[in-house]
Amino acid sequence: MAKIVVNVMLKPEILDPQGNAVASALPRLGFTFANSVRQGKRFEIEIDGEPTPAQMVEVEKAAEVLLSNPVIETYEVRVEK
């Protein structure tokens, strides 16, 4: 079994109020490691066996059409071991 991961993030020029809220809350809770925070979505798709090139093309298409909004988001598709 293999896992295909699709990470979806807002484009850098798009405001991220949820990320800003987390970034503001971190120091109030004593965490001082972050300069900024951006939030996104992660989809994990499990398939039988190793993914074929055709399956990867299908996942890319699903990421473009269903899992992300290409106007305001970018996505990355990868196979996780």
PDB file of N, CA and C in Angstrom:
ATOM      1  N   MET A   1       0.852  -1.174   0.000  1.00  0.00           N
ATOM      2  CA  MET A   1       0.000   0.000   0.000  1.00  0.00           C
ATOM      3  C   MET A   1       0.898   1.237   0.000  1.00  0.00           C
ATOM      4  N   ALA A   2       0.513   2.242  -0.771  1.00  0.00           N
ATOM      5  CA  ALA A   2       1.244   3.502  -0.841  1.00  0.00           C
ATOM      6  C   ALA A   2       0.324   4.640  -0.436  1.00  0.00           C
ATOM      7  N   LYS A   3       0.936   5.728  -0.006  1.00  0.00           N
ATOM      8  CA  LYS A   3       0.174   6.909   0.375  1.00  0.00           C
ATOM      9  C   LYS A   3       0.617   8.076  -0.504  1.00  0.00           C
ATOM     10  N   ILE A   4      -0.345   8.667  -1.190  1.00  0.00           N
ATOM     11  CA  ILE A   4      -0.092   9.874  -1.973  1.00  0.00           C
ATOM     12  C   ILE A   4      -0.585  11.044  -1.139  1.00  0.00           C
ATOM     13  N   VAL A   5       0.270  12.037  -0.962  1.00  0.00           N
ATOM     14  CA  VAL A   5      -0.060  13.195  -0.137  1.00  0.00           C
ATOM     15  C   VAL A   5      -0.209  14.415  -1.036  1.00  0.00           C
ATOM     16  N   VAL A   6      -1.285  15.156  -0.824  1.00  0.00           N
ATOM     17  CA  VAL A   6      -1.508  16.417  -1.525  1.00  0.00           C
ATOM     18  C   VAL A   6      -1.523  17.512  -0.466  1.00  0.00           C
ATOM     19  N   ASN A   7      -0.540  18.406  -0.531  1.00  0.00           N
ATOM     20  CA  ASN A   7      -0.486  19.562   0.359  1.00  0.00           C
ATOM     21  C   ASN A   7      -0.990  20.776  -0.396  1.00  0.00           C
ATOM     22  N   VAL A   8      -1.942  21.478   0.190  1.00  0.00           N
ATOM     23  CA  VAL A   8      -2.542  22.656  -0.429  1.00  0.00           C
ATOM     24  C   VAL A   8      -2.259  23.854   0.477  1.00  0.00           C
ATOM     25  N   MET A   9      -1.728  24.923  -0.121  1.00  0.00           N
ATOM     26  CA  MET A   9      -1.411  26.134   0.631  1.00  0.00           C
ATOM     27  C   MET A   9      -1.956  27.350  -0.104  1.00  0.00           C
ATOM     28  N   LEU A  10      -2.292  28.387   0.659  1.00  0.00           N
ATOM     29  CA  LEU A  10      -2.668  29.647   0.039  1.00  0.00           C
ATOM     30  C   LEU A  10      -1.458  30.221  -0.683  1.00  0.00           C
ATOM     31  N   LYS A  11      -1.689  30.869  -1.809  1.00  0.00           N
ATOM     32  CA  LYS A  11      -0.596  31.534  -2.511  1.00  0.00           C
ATOM     33  C   LYS A  11      -0.021  32.618  -1.593  1.00  0.00           C
ATOM     34  N   PRO A  12       1.273  32.920  -1.728  1.00  0.00           N
ATOM     35  CA  PRO A  12       1.915  33.882  -0.813  1.00  0.00           C
ATOM     36  C   PRO A  12       1.236  35.254  -0.789  1.00  0.00           C
ATOM     37  N   GLU A  13       0.662  35.672  -1.902  1.00  0.00           N
ATOM     38  CA  GLU A  13       0.042  37.005  -1.955  1.00  0.00           C
ATOM     39  C   GLU A  13      -1.369  37.045  -1.350  1.00  0.00           C
ATOM     40  N   ILE A  14      -1.899  35.899  -0.967  1.00  0.00           N
ATOM     41  CA  ILE A  14      -3.240  35.824  -0.381  1.00  0.00           C
ATOM     42  C   ILE A  14      -3.138  35.953   1.143  1.00  0.00           C
ATOM     43  N   LEU A  15      -3.934  36.837   1.719  1.00  0.00           N
ATOM     44  CA  LEU A  15      -3.945  36.996   3.173  1.00  0.00           C
ATOM     45  C   LEU A  15      -4.400  35.708   3.841  1.00  0.00           C
ATOM     46  N   ASP A  16      -3.808  35.410   4.992  1.00  0.00           N
ATOM     47  CA  ASP A  16      -4.103  34.177   5.724  1.00  0.00           C
ATOM     48  C   ASP A  16      -4.508  34.528   7.161  1.00  0.00           C
ATOM     49  N   PRO A  17      -5.777  34.886   7.390  1.00  0.00           N
ATOM     50  CA  PRO A  17      -6.192  35.289   8.735  1.00  0.00           C
ATOM     51  C   PRO A  17      -6.013  34.198   9.778  1.00  0.00           C
ATOM     52  N   GLN A  18      -6.232  32.941   9.407  1.00  0.00           N
ATOM     53  CA  GLN A  18      -6.068  31.859  10.382  1.00  0.00           C
ATOM     54  C   GLN A  18      -4.589  31.714  10.752  1.00  0.00           C
ATOM     55  N   GLY A  19      -3.714  31.781   9.776  1.00  0.00           N
ATOM     56  CA  GLY A  19      -2.287  31.727  10.060  1.00  0.00           C
ATOM     57  C   GLY A  19      -1.846  32.892  10.922  1.00  0.00           C
ATOM     58  N   ASN A  20      -2.374  34.089  10.629  1.00  0.00           N
ATOM     59  CA  ASN A  20      -2.041  35.274  11.437  1.00  0.00           C
ATOM     60  C   ASN A  20      -2.525  35.119  12.873  1.00  0.00           C
ATOM     61  N   ALA A  21      -3.703  34.542  13.053  1.00  0.00           N
ATOM     62  CA  ALA A  21      -4.236  34.338  14.403  1.00  0.00           C
ATOM     63  C   ALA A  21      -3.345  33.379  15.187  1.00  0.00           C
ATOM     64  N   VAL A  22      -2.893  32.316  14.534  1.00  0.00           N
ATOM     65  CA  VAL A  22      -1.998  31.370  15.207  1.00  0.00           C
ATOM     66  C   VAL A  22      -0.674  32.044  15.530  1.00  0.00           C
ATOM     67  N   ALA A  23      -0.132  32.807  14.575  1.00  0.00           N
ATOM     68  CA  ALA A  23       1.135  33.503  14.798  1.00  0.00           C
ATOM     69  C   ALA A  23       1.033  34.475  15.969  1.00  0.00           C
ATOM     70  N   SER A  24      -0.114  35.127  16.127  1.00  0.00           N
ATOM     71  CA  SER A  24      -0.310  36.057  17.253  1.00  0.00           C
ATOM     72  C   SER A  24      -0.470  35.319  18.576  1.00  0.00           C
ATOM     73  N   ALA A  25      -1.082  34.144  18.538  1.00  0.00           N
ATOM     74  CA  ALA A  25      -1.328  33.391  19.770  1.00  0.00           C
ATOM     75  C   ALA A  25      -0.070  32.714  20.308  1.00  0.00           C
ATOM     76  N   LEU A  26       0.828  32.313  19.430  1.00  0.00           N
ATOM     77  CA  LEU A  26       2.017  31.575  19.878  1.00  0.00           C
ATOM     78  C   LEU A  26       2.808  32.309  20.957  1.00  0.00           C
ATOM     79  N   PRO A  27       3.184  33.577  20.774  1.00  0.00           N
ATOM     80  CA  PRO A  27       3.956  34.254  21.821  1.00  0.00           C
ATOM     81  C   PRO A  27       3.181  34.421  23.131  1.00  0.00           C
ATOM     82  N   ARG A  28       1.863  34.595  23.016  1.00  0.00           N
ATOM     83  CA  ARG A  28       1.049  34.724  24.233  1.00  0.00           C
ATOM     84  C   ARG A  28       1.073  33.436  25.046  1.00  0.00           C
ATOM     85  N   LEU A  29       1.322  32.313  24.369  1.00  0.00           N
ATOM     86  CA  LEU A  29       1.382  31.020  25.041  1.00  0.00           C
ATOM     87  C   LEU A  29       2.816  30.620  25.385  1.00  0.00           C
ATOM     88  N   GLY A  30       3.759  31.529  25.158  1.00  0.00           N
ATOM     89  CA  GLY A  30       5.145  31.275  25.523  1.00  0.00           C
ATOM     90  C   GLY A  30       5.999  30.670  24.431  1.00  0.00           C
ATOM     91  N   PHE A  31       5.474  30.543  23.212  1.00  0.00           N
ATOM     92  CA  PHE A  31       6.244  29.993  22.095  1.00  0.00           C
ATOM     93  C   PHE A  31       6.814  31.144  21.279  1.00  0.00           C
ATOM     94  N   THR A  32       8.123  31.210  21.178  1.00  0.00           N
ATOM     95  CA  THR A  32       8.757  32.351  20.516  1.00  0.00           C
ATOM     96  C   THR A  32       9.553  31.957  19.274  1.00  0.00           C
ATOM     97  N   PHE A  33       9.334  30.773  18.751  1.00  0.00           N
ATOM     98  CA  PHE A  33      10.136  30.257  17.637  1.00  0.00           C
ATOM     99  C   PHE A  33       9.694  30.745  16.262  1.00  0.00           C
ATOM    100  N   ALA A  34       8.483  31.253  16.099  1.00  0.00           N
ATOM    101  CA  ALA A  34       7.925  31.519  14.767  1.00  0.00           C
ATOM    102  C   ALA A  34       7.986  32.995  14.391  1.00  0.00           C
ATOM    103  N   ASN A  35       8.413  33.256  13.168  1.00  0.00           N
ATOM    104  CA  ASN A  35       8.337  34.608  12.608  1.00  0.00           C
ATOM    105  C   ASN A  35       6.984  34.834  11.936  1.00  0.00           C
ATOM    106  N   SER A  36       6.445  33.789  11.327  1.00  0.00           N
ATOM    107  CA  SER A  36       5.129  33.868  10.690  1.00  0.00           C
ATOM    108  C   SER A  36       4.563  32.454  10.586  1.00  0.00           C
ATOM    109  N   VAL A  37       3.255  32.388  10.317  1.00  0.00           N
ATOM    110  CA  VAL A  37       2.572  31.094  10.187  1.00  0.00           C
ATOM    111  C   VAL A  37       1.625  31.184   8.994  1.00  0.00           C
ATOM    112  N   ARG A  38       1.617  30.148   8.167  1.00  0.00           N
ATOM    113  CA  ARG A  38       0.641  29.993   7.090  1.00  0.00           C
ATOM    114  C   ARG A  38      -0.043  28.655   7.317  1.00  0.00           C
ATOM    115  N   GLN A  39      -1.338  28.601   7.185  1.00  0.00           N
ATOM    116  CA  GLN A  39      -2.056  27.346   7.364  1.00  0.00           C
ATOM    117  C   GLN A  39      -2.459  26.797   6.005  1.00  0.00           C
ATOM    118  N   GLY A  40      -2.636  25.475   5.948  1.00  0.00           N
ATOM    119  CA  GLY A  40      -3.021  24.837   4.703  1.00  0.00           C
ATOM    120  C   GLY A  40      -3.829  23.579   4.962  1.00  0.00           C
ATOM    121  N   LYS A  41      -3.931  22.753   3.928  1.00  0.00           N
ATOM    122  CA  LYS A  41      -4.678  21.496   4.016  1.00  0.00           C
ATOM    123  C   LYS A  41      -3.765  20.367   3.556  1.00  0.00           C
ATOM    124  N   ARG A  42      -3.962  19.188   4.114  1.00  0.00           N
ATOM    125  CA  ARG A  42      -3.219  17.987   3.721  1.00  0.00           C
ATOM    126  C   ARG A  42      -4.225  16.880   3.462  1.00  0.00           C
ATOM    127  N   PHE A  43      -4.120  16.269   2.291  1.00  0.00           N
ATOM    128  CA  PHE A  43      -4.960  15.128   1.924  1.00  0.00           C
ATOM    129  C   PHE A  43      -4.060  13.910   1.791  1.00  0.00           C
ATOM    130  N   GLU A  44      -4.439  12.808   2.400  1.00  0.00           N
ATOM    131  CA  GLU A  44      -3.711  11.549   2.289  1.00  0.00           C
ATOM    132  C   GLU A  44      -4.581  10.554   1.537  1.00  0.00           C
ATOM    133  N   ILE A  45      -4.059  10.051   0.429  1.00  0.00           N
ATOM    134  CA  ILE A  45      -4.806   9.133  -0.430  1.00  0.00           C
ATOM    135  C   ILE A  45      -4.051   7.808  -0.446  1.00  0.00           C
ATOM    136  N   GLU A  46      -4.663   6.762   0.070  1.00  0.00           N
ATOM    137  CA  GLU A  46      -4.028   5.450   0.098  1.00  0.00           C
ATOM    138  C   GLU A  46      -4.469   4.642  -1.116  1.00  0.00           C
ATOM    139  N   ILE A  47      -3.492   3.975  -1.726  1.00  0.00           N
ATOM    140  CA  ILE A  47      -3.777   3.122  -2.877  1.00  0.00           C
ATOM    141  C   ILE A  47      -3.066   1.787  -2.679  1.00  0.00           C
ATOM    142  N   ASP A  48      -3.521   0.772  -3.406  1.00  0.00           N
ATOM    143  CA  ASP A  48      -2.854  -0.532  -3.379  1.00  0.00           C
ATOM    144  C   ASP A  48      -1.610  -0.471  -4.251  1.00  0.00           C
ATOM    145  N   GLY A  49      -0.506  -1.020  -3.772  1.00  0.00           N
ATOM    146  CA  GLY A  49       0.724  -1.065  -4.555  1.00  0.00           C
ATOM    147  C   GLY A  49       1.351   0.306  -4.733  1.00  0.00           C
ATOM    148  N   GLU A  50       2.356   0.356  -5.595  1.00  0.00           N
ATOM    149  CA  GLU A  50       3.014   1.621  -5.911  1.00  0.00           C
ATOM    150  C   GLU A  50       2.196   2.382  -6.941  1.00  0.00           C
ATOM    151  N   PRO A  51       2.147   3.696  -6.831  1.00  0.00           N
ATOM    152  CA  PRO A  51       1.344   4.463  -7.791  1.00  0.00           C
ATOM    153  C   PRO A  51       1.959   4.422  -9.193  1.00  0.00           C
ATOM    154  N   THR A  52       1.095   4.287 -10.165  1.00  0.00           N
ATOM    155  CA  THR A  52       1.534   4.309 -11.562  1.00  0.00           C
ATOM    156  C   THR A  52       1.549   5.759 -12.046  1.00  0.00           C
ATOM    157  N   PRO A  53       2.253   6.032 -13.132  1.00  0.00           N
ATOM    158  CA  PRO A  53       2.205   7.385 -13.695  1.00  0.00           C
ATOM    159  C   PRO A  53       0.776   7.841 -14.004  1.00  0.00           C
ATOM    160  N   ALA A  54      -0.066   6.922 -14.474  1.00  0.00           N
ATOM    161  CA  ALA A  54      -1.457   7.279 -14.777  1.00  0.00           C
ATOM    162  C   ALA A  54      -2.214   7.679 -13.512  1.00  0.00           C
ATOM    163  N   GLN A  55      -1.981   6.965 -12.414  1.00  0.00           N
ATOM    164  CA  GLN A  55      -2.625   7.324 -11.150  1.00  0.00           C
ATOM    165  C   GLN A  55      -2.146   8.692 -10.661  1.00  0.00           C
ATOM    166  N   MET A  56      -0.866   8.965 -10.820  1.00  0.00           N
ATOM    167  CA  MET A  56      -0.336  10.256 -10.384  1.00  0.00           C
ATOM    168  C   MET A  56      -0.958  11.398 -11.203  1.00  0.00           C
ATOM    169  N   VAL A  57      -1.165  11.149 -12.490  1.00  0.00           N
ATOM    170  CA  VAL A  57      -1.829  12.151 -13.331  1.00  0.00           C
ATOM    171  C   VAL A  57      -3.247  12.387 -12.838  1.00  0.00           C
ATOM    172  N   GLU A  58      -3.942  11.312 -12.471  1.00  0.00           N
ATOM    173  CA  GLU A  58      -5.315  11.444 -11.952  1.00  0.00           C
ATOM    174  C   GLU A  58      -5.336  12.241 -10.649  1.00  0.00           C
ATOM    175  N   VAL A  59      -4.394  11.954  -9.767  1.00  0.00           N
ATOM    176  CA  VAL A  59      -4.336  12.676  -8.491  1.00  0.00           C
ATOM    177  C   VAL A  59      -4.031  14.151  -8.737  1.00  0.00           C
ATOM    178  N   GLU A  60      -3.110  14.448  -9.655  1.00  0.00           N
ATOM    179  CA  GLU A  60      -2.806  15.844 -10.005  1.00  0.00           C
ATOM    180  C   GLU A  60      -4.075  16.555 -10.494  1.00  0.00           C
ATOM    181  N   LYS A  61      -4.838  15.884 -11.328  1.00  0.00           N
ATOM    182  CA  LYS A  61      -6.073  16.473 -11.854  1.00  0.00           C
ATOM    183  C   LYS A  61      -7.083  16.689 -10.725  1.00  0.00           C
ATOM    184  N   ALA A  62      -7.211  15.719  -9.818  1.00  0.00           N
ATOM    185  CA  ALA A  62      -8.122  15.876  -8.677  1.00  0.00           C
ATOM    186  C   ALA A  62      -7.675  17.032  -7.793  1.00  0.00           C
ATOM    187  N   ALA A  63      -6.362  17.183  -7.608  1.00  0.00           N
ATOM    188  CA  ALA A  63      -5.847  18.286  -6.794  1.00  0.00           C
ATOM    189  C   ALA A  63      -6.196  19.622  -7.422  1.00  0.00           C
ATOM    190  N   GLU A  64      -6.116  19.687  -8.748  1.00  0.00           N
ATOM    191  CA  GLU A  64      -6.404  20.932  -9.451  1.00  0.00           C
ATOM    192  C   GLU A  64      -7.894  21.256  -9.473  1.00  0.00           C
ATOM    193  N   VAL A  65      -8.734  20.228  -9.624  1.00  0.00           N
ATOM    194  CA  VAL A  65     -10.165  20.434  -9.829  1.00  0.00           C
ATOM    195  C   VAL A  65     -10.970  20.417  -8.531  1.00  0.00           C
ATOM    196  N   LEU A  66     -10.589  19.539  -7.594  1.00  0.00           N
ATOM    197  CA  LEU A  66     -11.408  19.318  -6.406  1.00  0.00           C
ATOM    198  C   LEU A  66     -10.751  19.736  -5.102  1.00  0.00           C
ATOM    199  N   LEU A  67      -9.483  19.396  -4.941  1.00  0.00           N
ATOM    200  CA  LEU A  67      -8.839  19.575  -3.633  1.00  0.00           C
ATOM    201  C   LEU A  67      -8.315  20.985  -3.393  1.00  0.00           C
ATOM    202  N   SER A  68      -8.136  21.762  -4.444  1.00  0.00           N
ATOM    203  CA  SER A  68      -7.623  23.124  -4.275  1.00  0.00           C
ATOM    204  C   SER A  68      -8.435  24.096  -5.119  1.00  0.00           C
ATOM    205  N   ASN A  69      -8.258  25.354  -4.795  1.00  0.00           N
ATOM    206  CA  ASN A  69      -8.814  26.432  -5.612  1.00  0.00           C
ATOM    207  C   ASN A  69      -7.620  27.101  -6.281  1.00  0.00           C
ATOM    208  N   PRO A  70      -7.336  26.798  -7.548  1.00  0.00           N
ATOM    209  CA  PRO A  70      -6.122  27.289  -8.183  1.00  0.00           C
ATOM    210  C   PRO A  70      -6.025  28.809  -8.289  1.00  0.00           C
ATOM    211  N   VAL A  71      -7.122  29.516  -8.079  1.00  0.00           N
ATOM    212  CA  VAL A  71      -7.073  30.978  -8.112  1.00  0.00           C
ATOM    213  C   VAL A  71      -6.306  31.510  -6.898  1.00  0.00           C
ATOM    214  N   ILE A  72      -6.488  30.869  -5.725  1.00  0.00           N
ATOM    215  CA  ILE A  72      -5.864  31.382  -4.507  1.00  0.00           C
ATOM    216  C   ILE A  72      -4.926  30.398  -3.823  1.00  0.00           C
ATOM    217  N   GLU A  73      -4.853  29.153  -4.331  1.00  0.00           N
ATOM    218  CA  GLU A  73      -4.052  28.130  -3.663  1.00  0.00           C
ATOM    219  C   GLU A  73      -3.087  27.455  -4.634  1.00  0.00           C
ATOM    220  N   THR A  74      -2.003  26.944  -4.068  1.00  0.00           N
ATOM    221  CA  THR A  74      -1.088  26.078  -4.800  1.00  0.00           C
ATOM    222  C   THR A  74      -1.170  24.691  -4.172  1.00  0.00           C
ATOM    223  N   TYR A  75      -0.701  23.693  -4.888  1.00  0.00           N
ATOM    224  CA  TYR A  75      -0.703  22.349  -4.325  1.00  0.00           C
ATOM    225  C   TYR A  75       0.569  21.616  -4.735  1.00  0.00           C
ATOM    226  N   GLU A  76       0.905  20.611  -3.938  1.00  0.00           N
ATOM    227  CA  GLU A  76       2.056  19.755  -4.196  1.00  0.00           C
ATOM    228  C   GLU A  76       1.583  18.320  -4.009  1.00  0.00           C
ATOM    229  N   VAL A  77       1.916  17.459  -4.952  1.00  0.00           N
ATOM    230  CA  VAL A  77       1.552  16.041  -4.869  1.00  0.00           C
ATOM    231  C   VAL A  77       2.844  15.250  -4.742  1.00  0.00           C
ATOM    232  N   ARG A  78       2.881  14.324  -3.776  1.00  0.00           N
ATOM    233  CA  ARG A  78       4.067  13.485  -3.606  1.00  0.00           C
ATOM    234  C   ARG A  78       3.646  12.142  -3.027  1.00  0.00           C
ATOM    235  N   VAL A  79       4.508  11.168  -3.205  1.00  0.00           N
ATOM    236  CA  VAL A  79       4.293   9.841  -2.630  1.00  0.00           C
ATOM    237  C   VAL A  79       5.067   9.777  -1.325  1.00  0.00           C
ATOM    238  N   GLU A  80       4.389   9.368  -0.265  1.00  0.00           N
ATOM    239  CA  GLU A  80       5.022   9.254   1.049  1.00  0.00           C
ATOM    240  C   GLU A  80       5.335   7.788   1.327  1.00  0.00           C
ATOM    241  N   LYS A  81       6.543   7.547   1.717  1.00  0.00           N
ATOM    242  CA  LYS A  81       6.957   6.158   2.016  1.00  0.00           C
ATOM    243  C   LYS A  81       6.509   5.764   3.397  1.00  0.00           C
TER     244      LYS A  81
END
